[in-house]
Amino acid sequence: MSENAIEIRGLEKTYAGRKGEPAKPALTGIDLDIPAGSVFGLLGPNGAGKSTLINILAGLVVKSAGQVTIWGFDQDVNPRQSRAAIGVMPQELNLDPFFAPRAALEVQAGLYGVPKSKRRSDEILRLVGLEDKADAYARTLSGGMRRRLLLAKALVHHPHVLVLDEPTAGVDIELRQMLWENVRRLNDEGMTIILTTHYLEEAEEMCDEIAIINRGSLVARDTTANLLGRLDGKTMVIEPNDTPKRLPEADGIEVQTRPDGTLALTYNSSQMPAETVLAAVRDAGIHIRDVRTEQADLQDVFLELTRSR
């Protein structure tokens, strides 16, 4: 095993077009390493290629070109071992309505060839908070409970890598908190987590590193801190004692008056110290009641990287 849980080189996927239509490239030469033991975010707008990439990792879609190695196993050379190394919690609620959770886990474990002596269905059900529903038909479970069951099914074969595809889409706050507690626990035990989500604040809080895909290409891959550092624009929000007679003026500072009466002064923090901004405020005769700063978040970075591409 290398230090990477997953290594992807030159990954391409092209879907054949309908009759008379050109082929549609979904992935165009992705190179990506995902470190073992990390919580790794895979982000991108709708149609960017995230689901195609995940389905290739899971062995559900055949790639057009490239190499995929999961936990040291080349997908082409050792397809069985590479699939056994990864578990996927899909976005869709694809459950058999007539299977109870315990039975569903037992069947899933059997499909992966897990011996009965090594199955831990009840332990996994306790982990996801479904022990009291172990023998209830899946069709009687709420939407949130079904999502918990999807997570449980992804864990039955003791995978080294867990993929969570939009795990909190449409779920309540309680379930979201439970899910993240479980993710942190699994990661603390050494499991590599790959997360796709449209809730960028979740990715910012949870992920050690993030890759952003747009139109089938990798447009960014870095630590979360470094990605946030790409936009060094900073906003100083001033609450004045009285309505200003004139606004601050200085090269490199953009000033806006917000509806609540505060002044938002945006500047480049790597080129201009905060003292220069405060001096411009004082020169305008503004007396400060309160001041705070705002910095770019992951949503700003995401939009900047995907807007013009």
C-alpha atoms as a PDB file:
ATOM      1  CA  MET A   1       0.000   0.000   0.000  1.00  0.00           C
ATOM      2  CA  SER A   2       1.253   3.455  -0.895  1.00  0.00           C
ATOM      3  CA  GLU A   3       0.449   6.569   1.117  1.00  0.00           C
ATOM      4  CA  ASN A   4      -2.532   7.126  -1.185  1.00  0.00           C
ATOM      5  CA  ALA A   5      -5.816   5.275  -0.799  1.00  0.00           C
ATOM      6  CA  ILE A   6      -6.722   6.012  -4.423  1.00  0.00           C
ATOM      7  CA  GLU A   7      -4.526   6.909  -7.392  1.00  0.00           C
ATOM      8  CA  ILE A   8      -6.090   7.992 -10.691  1.00  0.00           C
ATOM      9  CA  ARG A   9      -4.100   8.610 -13.863  1.00  0.00           C
ATOM     10  CA  GLY A  10      -5.426   9.874 -17.196  1.00  0.00           C
ATOM     11  CA  LEU A  11      -8.998   8.866 -16.434  1.00  0.00           C
ATOM     12  CA  GLU A  12     -11.389   9.405 -19.320  1.00  0.00           C
ATOM     13  CA  LYS A  13     -15.003   8.515 -19.924  1.00  0.00           C
ATOM     14  CA  THR A  14     -16.957   9.224 -23.079  1.00  0.00           C
ATOM     15  CA  TYR A  15     -20.600   8.262 -23.449  1.00  0.00           C
ATOM     16  CA  ALA A  16     -21.853   7.357 -26.906  1.00  0.00           C
ATOM     17  CA  GLY A  17     -24.329   9.896 -28.246  1.00  0.00           C
ATOM     18  CA  ARG A  18     -27.771   9.030 -29.442  1.00  0.00           C
ATOM     19  CA  LYS A  19     -28.252   8.254 -33.097  1.00  0.00           C
ATOM     20  CA  GLY A  20     -26.939  11.163 -35.111  1.00  0.00           C
ATOM     21  CA  GLU A  21     -25.514  12.924 -32.040  1.00  0.00           C
ATOM     22  CA  PRO A  22     -21.811  13.258 -31.176  1.00  0.00           C
ATOM     23  CA  ALA A  23     -20.219  11.373 -28.288  1.00  0.00           C
ATOM     24  CA  LYS A  24     -20.341  13.130 -24.910  1.00  0.00           C
ATOM     25  CA  PRO A  25     -17.120  13.342 -22.881  1.00  0.00           C
ATOM     26  CA  ALA A  26     -17.813  13.101 -19.142  1.00  0.00           C
ATOM     27  CA  LEU A  27     -14.212  12.924 -17.886  1.00  0.00           C
ATOM     28  CA  THR A  28     -11.264  14.288 -19.821  1.00  0.00           C
ATOM     29  CA  GLY A  29      -7.967  13.066 -18.395  1.00  0.00           C
ATOM     30  CA  ILE A  30      -8.310  13.196 -14.602  1.00  0.00           C
ATOM     31  CA  ASP A  31      -5.125  12.785 -12.523  1.00  0.00           C
ATOM     32  CA  LEU A  32      -5.875  12.596  -8.805  1.00  0.00           C
ATOM     33  CA  ASP A  33      -4.353  11.169  -5.619  1.00  0.00           C
ATOM     34  CA  ILE A  34      -6.469  10.754  -2.480  1.00  0.00           C
ATOM     35  CA  PRO A  35      -4.344  10.309   0.677  1.00  0.00           C
ATOM     36  CA  ALA A  36      -5.048   7.340   2.924  1.00  0.00           C
ATOM     37  CA  GLY A  37      -6.777   8.282   6.174  1.00  0.00           C
ATOM     38  CA  SER A  38      -8.068  11.620   4.919  1.00  0.00           C
ATOM     39  CA  VAL A  39     -11.522  13.119   4.586  1.00  0.00           C
ATOM     40  CA  PHE A  40     -11.437  14.178   0.941  1.00  0.00           C
ATOM     41  CA  GLY A  41     -13.999  16.437  -0.713  1.00  0.00           C
ATOM     42  CA  LEU A  42     -14.982  15.924  -4.346  1.00  0.00           C
ATOM     43  CA  LEU A  43     -16.891  19.000  -5.489  1.00  0.00           C
ATOM     44  CA  GLY A  44     -18.293  20.349  -8.709  1.00  0.00           C
ATOM     45  CA  PRO A  45     -21.465  21.740 -10.286  1.00  0.00           C
ATOM     46  CA  ASN A  46     -24.202  19.474 -11.616  1.00  0.00           C
ATOM     47  CA  GLY A  47     -23.002  17.584 -14.665  1.00  0.00           C
ATOM     48  CA  ALA A  48     -19.338  18.132 -13.850  1.00  0.00           C
ATOM     49  CA  GLY A  49     -18.505  14.409 -13.831  1.00  0.00           C
ATOM     50  CA  LYS A  50     -18.506  13.614 -10.104  1.00  0.00           C
ATOM     51  CA  SER A  51     -21.046  10.800 -10.331  1.00  0.00           C
ATOM     52  CA  THR A  52     -19.254   9.284 -13.313  1.00  0.00           C
ATOM     53  CA  LEU A  53     -15.989   9.289 -11.365  1.00  0.00           C
ATOM     54  CA  ILE A  54     -17.619   7.688  -8.314  1.00  0.00           C
ATOM     55  CA  ASN A  55     -19.330   5.035 -10.434  1.00  0.00           C
ATOM     56  CA  ILE A  56     -16.012   4.173 -12.076  1.00  0.00           C
ATOM     57  CA  LEU A  57     -14.396   3.796  -8.638  1.00  0.00           C
ATOM     58  CA  ALA A  58     -17.277   1.537  -7.572  1.00  0.00           C
ATOM     59  CA  GLY A  59     -16.962  -0.588 -10.689  1.00  0.00           C
ATOM     60  CA  LEU A  60     -20.418   0.368 -11.966  1.00  0.00           C
ATOM     61  CA  VAL A  61     -19.190   2.270 -15.034  1.00  0.00           C
ATOM     62  CA  VAL A  62     -16.449   1.132 -17.407  1.00  0.00           C
ATOM     63  CA  LYS A  63     -13.861   3.830 -18.051  1.00  0.00           C
ATOM     64  CA  SER A  64     -12.829   4.752 -21.586  1.00  0.00           C
ATOM     65  CA  ALA A  65      -9.146   5.213 -20.741  1.00  0.00           C
ATOM     66  CA  GLY A  66      -6.778   5.641 -17.833  1.00  0.00           C
ATOM     67  CA  GLN A  67      -5.737   3.798 -14.689  1.00  0.00           C
ATOM     68  CA  VAL A  68      -7.462   3.524 -11.306  1.00  0.00           C
ATOM     69  CA  THR A  69      -5.741   2.028  -8.264  1.00  0.00           C
ATOM     70  CA  ILE A  70      -7.722   1.522  -5.039  1.00  0.00           C
ATOM     71  CA  TRP A  71      -5.843   0.572  -1.874  1.00  0.00           C
ATOM     72  CA  GLY A  72      -2.941  -0.668  -3.988  1.00  0.00           C
ATOM     73  CA  PHE A  73      -5.068  -2.767  -6.357  1.00  0.00           C
ATOM     74  CA  ASP A  74      -5.171  -1.838 -10.029  1.00  0.00           C
ATOM     75  CA  GLN A  75      -8.803  -1.916 -11.111  1.00  0.00           C
ATOM     76  CA  ASP A  76      -7.938  -3.669 -14.373  1.00  0.00           C
ATOM     77  CA  VAL A  77      -5.533  -6.216 -12.873  1.00  0.00           C
ATOM     78  CA  ASN A  78      -7.342  -6.951  -9.595  1.00  0.00           C
ATOM     79  CA  PRO A  79     -10.970  -5.863 -10.082  1.00  0.00           C
ATOM     80  CA  ARG A  80     -12.334  -8.014  -7.239  1.00  0.00           C
ATOM     81  CA  GLN A  81      -9.862  -6.718  -4.656  1.00  0.00           C
ATOM     82  CA  SER A  82     -10.254  -3.100  -5.740  1.00  0.00           C
ATOM     83  CA  ARG A  83     -14.044  -3.298  -5.411  1.00  0.00           C
ATOM     84  CA  ALA A  84     -13.753  -4.945  -2.003  1.00  0.00           C
ATOM     85  CA  ALA A  85     -11.600  -2.048  -0.795  1.00  0.00           C
ATOM     86  CA  ILE A  86     -14.315   0.554  -1.369  1.00  0.00           C
ATOM     87  CA  GLY A  87     -17.839   1.078  -0.063  1.00  0.00           C
ATOM     88  CA  VAL A  88     -20.275   3.530  -1.598  1.00  0.00           C
ATOM     89  CA  MET A  89     -23.265   5.210   0.013  1.00  0.00           C
ATOM     90  CA  PRO A  90     -25.250   6.328  -3.060  1.00  0.00           C
ATOM     91  CA  GLN A  91     -27.408   9.398  -3.300  1.00  0.00           C
ATOM     92  CA  GLU A  92     -30.431   7.440  -4.548  1.00  0.00           C
ATOM     93  CA  LEU A  93     -32.554   5.481  -2.062  1.00  0.00           C
ATOM     94  CA  ASN A  94     -32.199   2.124  -3.835  1.00  0.00           C
ATOM     95  CA  LEU A  95     -33.462  -0.334  -1.222  1.00  0.00           C
ATOM     96  CA  ASP A  96     -35.533  -3.504  -1.483  1.00  0.00           C
ATOM     97  CA  PRO A  97     -38.751  -2.554   0.351  1.00  0.00           C
ATOM     98  CA  PHE A  98     -39.373  -6.135   1.527  1.00  0.00           C
ATOM     99  CA  PHE A  99     -36.014  -6.623   3.258  1.00  0.00           C
ATOM    100  CA  ALA A 100     -35.541  -5.719   6.911  1.00  0.00           C
ATOM    101  CA  PRO A 101     -32.281  -3.868   7.721  1.00  0.00           C
ATOM    102  CA  ARG A 102     -30.582  -6.887   9.327  1.00  0.00           C
ATOM    103  CA  ALA A 103     -31.511  -9.132   6.414  1.00  0.00           C
ATOM    104  CA  ALA A 104     -30.387  -6.481   3.911  1.00  0.00           C
ATOM    105  CA  LEU A 105     -26.967  -6.289   5.575  1.00  0.00           C
ATOM    106  CA  GLU A 106     -26.636 -10.068   5.645  1.00  0.00           C
ATOM    107  CA  VAL A 107     -27.410 -10.280   1.919  1.00  0.00           C
ATOM    108  CA  GLN A 108     -25.007  -7.452   1.132  1.00  0.00           C
ATOM    109  CA  ALA A 109     -22.262  -9.146   3.167  1.00  0.00           C
ATOM    110  CA  GLY A 110     -22.908 -12.393   1.324  1.00  0.00           C
ATOM    111  CA  LEU A 111     -22.559 -10.655  -2.039  1.00  0.00           C
ATOM    112  CA  TYR A 112     -19.126  -9.436  -0.952  1.00  0.00           C
ATOM    113  CA  GLY A 113     -18.155 -12.910   0.218  1.00  0.00           C
ATOM    114  CA  VAL A 114     -17.908 -11.991   3.909  1.00  0.00           C
ATOM    115  CA  PRO A 115     -17.987 -15.224   5.996  1.00  0.00           C
ATOM    116  CA  LYS A 116     -20.786 -15.424   8.549  1.00  0.00           C
ATOM    117  CA  SER A 117     -18.245 -15.529  11.363  1.00  0.00           C
ATOM    118  CA  LYS A 118     -16.920 -12.121  10.305  1.00  0.00           C
ATOM    119  CA  ARG A 119     -20.214 -10.374   9.683  1.00  0.00           C
ATOM    120  CA  ARG A 120     -21.145  -7.596  12.112  1.00  0.00           C
ATOM    121  CA  SER A 121     -24.626  -6.621  11.035  1.00  0.00           C
ATOM    122  CA  ASP A 122     -25.931  -5.815  14.523  1.00  0.00           C
ATOM    123  CA  GLU A 123     -22.830  -3.754  15.330  1.00  0.00           C
ATOM    124  CA  ILE A 124     -23.286  -1.693  12.167  1.00  0.00           C
ATOM    125  CA  LEU A 125     -26.989  -1.209  12.865  1.00  0.00           C
ATOM    126  CA  ARG A 126     -26.097   0.151  16.313  1.00  0.00           C
ATOM    127  CA  LEU A 127     -23.539   2.456  14.711  1.00  0.00           C
ATOM    128  CA  VAL A 128     -26.161   4.053  12.461  1.00  0.00           C
ATOM    129  CA  GLY A 129     -28.937   4.032  15.074  1.00  0.00           C
ATOM    130  CA  LEU A 130     -31.142   1.356  13.508  1.00  0.00           C
ATOM    131  CA  GLU A 131     -30.829  -1.424  16.089  1.00  0.00           C
ATOM    132  CA  ASP A 132     -34.481  -1.005  17.104  1.00  0.00           C
ATOM    133  CA  LYS A 133     -35.552  -1.300  13.442  1.00  0.00           C
ATOM    134  CA  ALA A 134     -33.427  -4.348  12.645  1.00  0.00           C
ATOM    135  CA  ASP A 135     -36.423  -6.516  11.736  1.00  0.00           C
ATOM    136  CA  ALA A 136     -38.769  -3.893  10.296  1.00  0.00           C
ATOM    137  CA  TYR A 137     -39.440  -3.886   6.551  1.00  0.00           C
ATOM    138  CA  ALA A 138     -37.437  -1.220   4.738  1.00  0.00           C
ATOM    139  CA  ARG A 139     -40.662   0.156   3.239  1.00  0.00           C
ATOM    140  CA  THR A 140     -41.791   1.192   6.744  1.00  0.00           C
ATOM    141  CA  LEU A 141     -38.642   3.233   7.419  1.00  0.00           C
ATOM    142  CA  SER A 142     -38.605   7.006   7.177  1.00  0.00           C
ATOM    143  CA  GLY A 143     -36.460   8.735   4.569  1.00  0.00           C
ATOM    144  CA  GLY A 144     -33.779   9.476   7.153  1.00  0.00           C
ATOM    145  CA  MET A 145     -33.704   5.867   8.361  1.00  0.00           C
ATOM    146  CA  ARG A 146     -33.333   4.672   4.788  1.00  0.00           C
ATOM    147  CA  ARG A 147     -30.294   6.884   4.390  1.00  0.00           C
ATOM    148  CA  ARG A 148     -28.837   5.349   7.545  1.00  0.00           C
ATOM    149  CA  LEU A 149     -29.432   1.913   6.052  1.00  0.00           C
ATOM    150  CA  LEU A 150     -27.582   2.926   2.880  1.00  0.00           C
ATOM    151  CA  LEU A 151     -24.597   3.884   5.028  1.00  0.00           C
ATOM    152  CA  ALA A 152     -24.819   0.576   6.877  1.00  0.00           C
ATOM    153  CA  LYS A 153     -24.844  -1.391   3.612  1.00  0.00           C
ATOM    154  CA  ALA A 154     -21.711   0.433   2.477  1.00  0.00           C
ATOM    155  CA  LEU A 155     -19.879  -0.761   5.610  1.00  0.00           C
ATOM    156  CA  VAL A 156     -20.693  -4.484   5.657  1.00  0.00           C
ATOM    157  CA  HIS A 157     -17.468  -5.645   3.943  1.00  0.00           C
ATOM    158  CA  HIS A 158     -15.068  -3.581   6.106  1.00  0.00           C
ATOM    159  CA  PRO A 159     -13.957  -1.243   3.290  1.00  0.00           C
ATOM    160  CA  HIS A 160     -10.787   0.837   3.552  1.00  0.00           C
ATOM    161  CA  VAL A 161     -12.410   3.652   1.558  1.00  0.00           C
ATOM    162  CA  LEU A 162     -15.954   4.977   2.056  1.00  0.00           C
ATOM    163  CA  VAL A 163     -17.602   7.189  -0.579  1.00  0.00           C
ATOM    164  CA  LEU A 164     -20.501   9.365   0.565  1.00  0.00           C
ATOM    165  CA  ASP A 165     -22.423  10.737  -2.425  1.00  0.00           C
ATOM    166  CA  GLU A 166     -24.521  13.710  -1.288  1.00  0.00           C
ATOM    167  CA  PRO A 167     -25.208  11.981   2.055  1.00  0.00           C
ATOM    168  CA  THR A 168     -27.100  14.852   3.688  1.00  0.00           C
ATOM    169  CA  ALA A 169     -29.243  15.958   0.741  1.00  0.00           C
ATOM    170  CA  GLY A 170     -32.734  16.615   2.062  1.00  0.00           C
ATOM    171  CA  VAL A 171     -32.165  15.237   5.569  1.00  0.00           C
ATOM    172  CA  ASP A 172     -32.955  16.896   8.889  1.00  0.00           C
ATOM    173  CA  ILE A 173     -30.425  18.448  11.255  1.00  0.00           C
ATOM    174  CA  GLU A 174     -30.473  15.518  13.706  1.00  0.00           C
ATOM    175  CA  LEU A 175     -29.643  12.976  11.015  1.00  0.00           C
ATOM    176  CA  ARG A 176     -26.959  15.230   9.573  1.00  0.00           C
ATOM    177  CA  GLN A 177     -25.257  15.521  12.962  1.00  0.00           C
ATOM    178  CA  MET A 178     -25.491  11.756  13.515  1.00  0.00           C
ATOM    179  CA  LEU A 179     -23.981  11.094  10.113  1.00  0.00           C
ATOM    180  CA  TRP A 180     -21.025  13.408  10.672  1.00  0.00           C
ATOM    181  CA  GLU A 181     -20.373  11.933  14.102  1.00  0.00           C
ATOM    182  CA  ASN A 182     -20.192   8.494  12.479  1.00  0.00           C
ATOM    183  CA  VAL A 183     -17.954   9.784   9.695  1.00  0.00           C
ATOM    184  CA  ARG A 184     -15.529  11.298  12.203  1.00  0.00           C
ATOM    185  CA  ARG A 185     -15.498   8.055  14.200  1.00  0.00           C
ATOM    186  CA  LEU A 186     -14.791   5.948  11.113  1.00  0.00           C
ATOM    187  CA  ASN A 187     -12.080   8.341   9.992  1.00  0.00           C
ATOM    188  CA  ASP A 188     -10.475   8.271  13.455  1.00  0.00           C
ATOM    189  CA  GLU A 189     -10.322   4.483  13.074  1.00  0.00           C
ATOM    190  CA  GLY A 190      -8.333   4.892   9.853  1.00  0.00           C
ATOM    191  CA  MET A 191     -10.994   4.786   7.138  1.00  0.00           C
ATOM    192  CA  THR A 192     -10.531   7.108   4.156  1.00  0.00           C
ATOM    193  CA  ILE A 193     -13.673   9.143   3.459  1.00  0.00           C
ATOM    194  CA  ILE A 194     -14.574  10.666   0.084  1.00  0.00           C
ATOM    195  CA  LEU A 195     -17.404  13.178   0.263  1.00  0.00           C
ATOM    196  CA  THR A 196     -19.450  14.840  -2.451  1.00  0.00           C
ATOM    197  CA  THR A 197     -21.844  17.533  -1.300  1.00  0.00           C
ATOM    198  CA  HIS A 198     -23.572  20.705  -2.428  1.00  0.00           C
ATOM    199  CA  TYR A 199     -23.437  22.011   1.154  1.00  0.00           C
ATOM    200  CA  LEU A 200     -20.068  23.732   0.828  1.00  0.00           C
ATOM    201  CA  GLU A 201     -19.957  24.709   4.486  1.00  0.00           C
ATOM    202  CA  GLU A 202     -19.927  20.969   5.287  1.00  0.00           C
ATOM    203  CA  ALA A 203     -16.981  20.379   2.976  1.00  0.00           C
ATOM    204  CA  GLU A 204     -15.170  23.353   4.490  1.00  0.00           C
ATOM    205  CA  GLU A 205     -15.673  21.997   8.001  1.00  0.00           C
ATOM    206  CA  MET A 206     -15.128  18.270   7.351  1.00  0.00           C
ATOM    207  CA  CYS A 207     -12.546  17.904   4.583  1.00  0.00           C
ATOM    208  CA  ASP A 208      -8.766  17.873   4.911  1.00  0.00           C
ATOM    209  CA  GLU A 209      -8.321  18.232   1.150  1.00  0.00           C
ATOM    210  CA  ILE A 210     -10.646  19.087  -1.718  1.00  0.00           C
ATOM    211  CA  ALA A 211     -10.732  18.500  -5.465  1.00  0.00           C
ATOM    212  CA  ILE A 212     -13.013  20.546  -7.716  1.00  0.00           C
ATOM    213  CA  ILE A 213     -14.167  19.090 -11.034  1.00  0.00           C
ATOM    214  CA  ASN A 214     -15.790  21.155 -13.760  1.00  0.00           C
ATOM    215  CA  ARG A 215     -16.866  19.941 -17.195  1.00  0.00           C
ATOM    216  CA  GLY A 216     -14.978  16.699 -16.769  1.00  0.00           C
ATOM    217  CA  SER A 217     -11.656  18.300 -15.854  1.00  0.00           C
ATOM    218  CA  LEU A 218      -9.873  18.770 -12.551  1.00  0.00           C
ATOM    219  CA  VAL A 219      -9.689  22.531 -11.980  1.00  0.00           C
ATOM    220  CA  ALA A 220      -8.289  22.520  -8.432  1.00  0.00           C
ATOM    221  CA  ARG A 221      -6.875  20.112  -5.872  1.00  0.00           C
ATOM    222  CA  ASP A 222      -5.368  21.305  -2.605  1.00  0.00           C
ATOM    223  CA  THR A 223      -5.795  21.400   1.131  1.00  0.00           C
ATOM    224  CA  THR A 224      -8.931  23.187   2.276  1.00  0.00           C
ATOM    225  CA  ALA A 225      -6.838  25.918   3.902  1.00  0.00           C
ATOM    226  CA  ASN A 226      -4.841  26.558   0.725  1.00  0.00           C
ATOM    227  CA  LEU A 227      -7.963  26.696  -1.417  1.00  0.00           C
ATOM    228  CA  LEU A 228      -9.467  29.280   0.892  1.00  0.00           C
ATOM    229  CA  GLY A 229      -6.204  31.194   0.688  1.00  0.00           C
ATOM    230  CA  ARG A 230      -6.507  31.498  -3.086  1.00  0.00           C
ATOM    231  CA  LEU A 231      -8.945  34.335  -2.623  1.00  0.00           C
ATOM    232  CA  ASP A 232      -7.192  36.825  -0.393  1.00  0.00           C
ATOM    233  CA  GLY A 233      -9.935  39.394  -0.680  1.00  0.00           C
ATOM    234  CA  LYS A 234     -11.036  40.505   2.768  1.00  0.00           C
ATOM    235  CA  THR A 235     -13.958  42.663   3.856  1.00  0.00           C
ATOM    236  CA  MET A 236     -13.890  44.990   6.840  1.00  0.00           C
ATOM    237  CA  VAL A 237     -17.378  45.798   8.071  1.00  0.00           C
ATOM    238  CA  ILE A 238     -17.641  49.110   9.914  1.00  0.00           C
ATOM    239  CA  GLU A 239     -20.598  50.123  12.073  1.00  0.00           C
ATOM    240  CA  PRO A 240     -20.391  53.935  12.341  1.00  0.00           C
ATOM    241  CA  ASN A 241     -21.660  55.975  15.265  1.00  0.00           C
ATOM    242  CA  ASP A 242     -23.573  58.281  12.899  1.00  0.00           C
ATOM    243  CA  THR A 243     -24.555  58.308   9.251  1.00  0.00           C
ATOM    244  CA  PRO A 244     -21.333  59.151   7.354  1.00  0.00           C
ATOM    245  CA  LYS A 245     -21.250  62.471   5.484  1.00  0.00           C
ATOM    246  CA  ARG A 246     -18.831  60.955   2.998  1.00  0.00           C
ATOM    247  CA  LEU A 247     -17.468  57.495   2.285  1.00  0.00           C
ATOM    248  CA  PRO A 248     -13.835  56.437   2.708  1.00  0.00           C
ATOM    249  CA  GLU A 249     -11.699  56.762  -0.411  1.00  0.00           C
ATOM    250  CA  ALA A 250      -8.430  54.990  -1.145  1.00  0.00           C
ATOM    251  CA  ASP A 251      -6.853  53.106  -4.021  1.00  0.00           C
ATOM    252  CA  GLY A 252      -7.516  49.368  -3.746  1.00  0.00           C
ATOM    253  CA  ILE A 253     -10.544  49.699  -1.448  1.00  0.00           C
ATOM    254  CA  GLU A 254     -14.095  49.039  -2.649  1.00  0.00           C
ATOM    255  CA  VAL A 255     -16.755  50.564  -0.401  1.00  0.00           C
ATOM    256  CA  GLN A 256     -20.423  49.548  -0.181  1.00  0.00           C
ATOM    257  CA  THR A 257     -23.173  50.769   2.143  1.00  0.00           C
ATOM    258  CA  ARG A 258     -25.266  47.841   3.356  1.00  0.00           C
ATOM    259  CA  PRO A 259     -29.009  48.043   4.123  1.00  0.00           C
ATOM    260  CA  ASP A 260     -28.324  47.881   7.870  1.00  0.00           C
ATOM    261  CA  GLY A 261     -26.210  51.053   7.676  1.00  0.00           C
ATOM    262  CA  THR A 262     -22.825  49.346   7.987  1.00  0.00           C
ATOM    263  CA  LEU A 263     -19.992  50.032   5.553  1.00  0.00           C
ATOM    264  CA  ALA A 264     -18.314  47.091   3.808  1.00  0.00           C
ATOM    265  CA  LEU A 265     -14.762  47.852   2.705  1.00  0.00           C
ATOM    266  CA  THR A 266     -13.266  45.098   0.514  1.00  0.00           C
ATOM    267  CA  TYR A 267      -9.506  45.012  -0.065  1.00  0.00           C
ATOM    268  CA  ASN A 268      -6.649  42.688  -0.964  1.00  0.00           C
ATOM    269  CA  SER A 269      -5.209  41.548   2.368  1.00  0.00           C
ATOM    270  CA  SER A 270      -1.901  40.405   0.851  1.00  0.00           C
ATOM    271  CA  GLN A 271      -1.209  43.880  -0.568  1.00  0.00           C
ATOM    272  CA  MET A 272      -2.816  46.193   1.955  1.00  0.00           C
ATOM    273  CA  PRO A 273      -2.635  46.100   5.770  1.00  0.00           C
ATOM    274  CA  ALA A 274      -5.803  46.590   7.798  1.00  0.00           C
ATOM    275  CA  GLU A 275      -4.344  49.786   9.251  1.00  0.00           C
ATOM    276  CA  THR A 276      -4.510  51.431   5.819  1.00  0.00           C
ATOM    277  CA  VAL A 277      -8.225  50.652   5.606  1.00  0.00           C
ATOM    278  CA  LEU A 278      -8.855  52.015   9.104  1.00  0.00           C
ATOM    279  CA  ALA A 279      -6.887  55.165   8.218  1.00  0.00           C
ATOM    280  CA  ALA A 280      -9.169  55.730   5.209  1.00  0.00           C
ATOM    281  CA  VAL A 281     -12.180  55.408   7.513  1.00  0.00           C
ATOM    282  CA  ARG A 282     -10.756  57.945   9.962  1.00  0.00           C
ATOM    283  CA  ASP A 283      -9.814  60.336   7.139  1.00  0.00           C
ATOM    284  CA  ALA A 284     -13.486  60.323   6.079  1.00  0.00           C
ATOM    285  CA  GLY A 285     -14.390  61.585   9.550  1.00  0.00           C
ATOM    286  CA  ILE A 286     -16.168  58.377  10.504  1.00  0.00           C
ATOM    287  CA  HIS A 287     -16.243  57.383  14.160  1.00  0.00           C
ATOM    288  CA  ILE A 288     -16.330  53.609  14.585  1.00  0.00           C
ATOM    289  CA  ARG A 289     -18.842  51.986  16.941  1.00  0.00           C
ATOM    290  CA  ASP A 290     -17.913  48.412  15.989  1.00  0.00           C
ATOM    291  CA  VAL A 291     -15.785  46.599  13.434  1.00  0.00           C
ATOM    292  CA  ARG A 292     -15.491  43.028  12.167  1.00  0.00           C
ATOM    293  CA  THR A 293     -13.900  41.269   9.218  1.00  0.00           C
ATOM    294  CA  GLU A 294     -15.219  38.757   6.688  1.00  0.00           C
ATOM    295  CA  GLN A 295     -13.059  36.440   4.602  1.00  0.00           C
ATOM    296  CA  ALA A 296     -13.741  34.302   1.561  1.00  0.00           C
ATOM    297  CA  ASP A 297     -15.361  30.931   2.214  1.00  0.00           C
ATOM    298  CA  LEU A 298     -15.353  27.775   0.127  1.00  0.00           C
ATOM    299  CA  GLN A 299     -18.404  28.934  -1.814  1.00  0.00           C
ATOM    300  CA  ASP A 300     -16.478  31.976  -3.061  1.00  0.00           C
ATOM    301  CA  VAL A 301     -13.571  29.767  -4.157  1.00  0.00           C
ATOM    302  CA  PHE A 302     -15.924  27.287  -5.819  1.00  0.00           C
ATOM    303  CA  LEU A 303     -17.704  29.983  -7.807  1.00  0.00           C
ATOM    304  CA  GLU A 304     -14.443  31.634  -8.812  1.00  0.00           C
ATOM    305  CA  LEU A 305     -13.024  28.348 -10.136  1.00  0.00           C
ATOM    306  CA  THR A 306     -16.148  27.221 -11.998  1.00  0.00           C
ATOM    307  CA  ARG A 307     -17.726  30.449 -13.181  1.00  0.00           C
ATOM    308  CA  SER A 308     -15.484  31.240 -16.162  1.00  0.00           C
ATOM    309  CA  ARG A 309     -14.556  27.732 -17.259  1.00  0.00           C
END
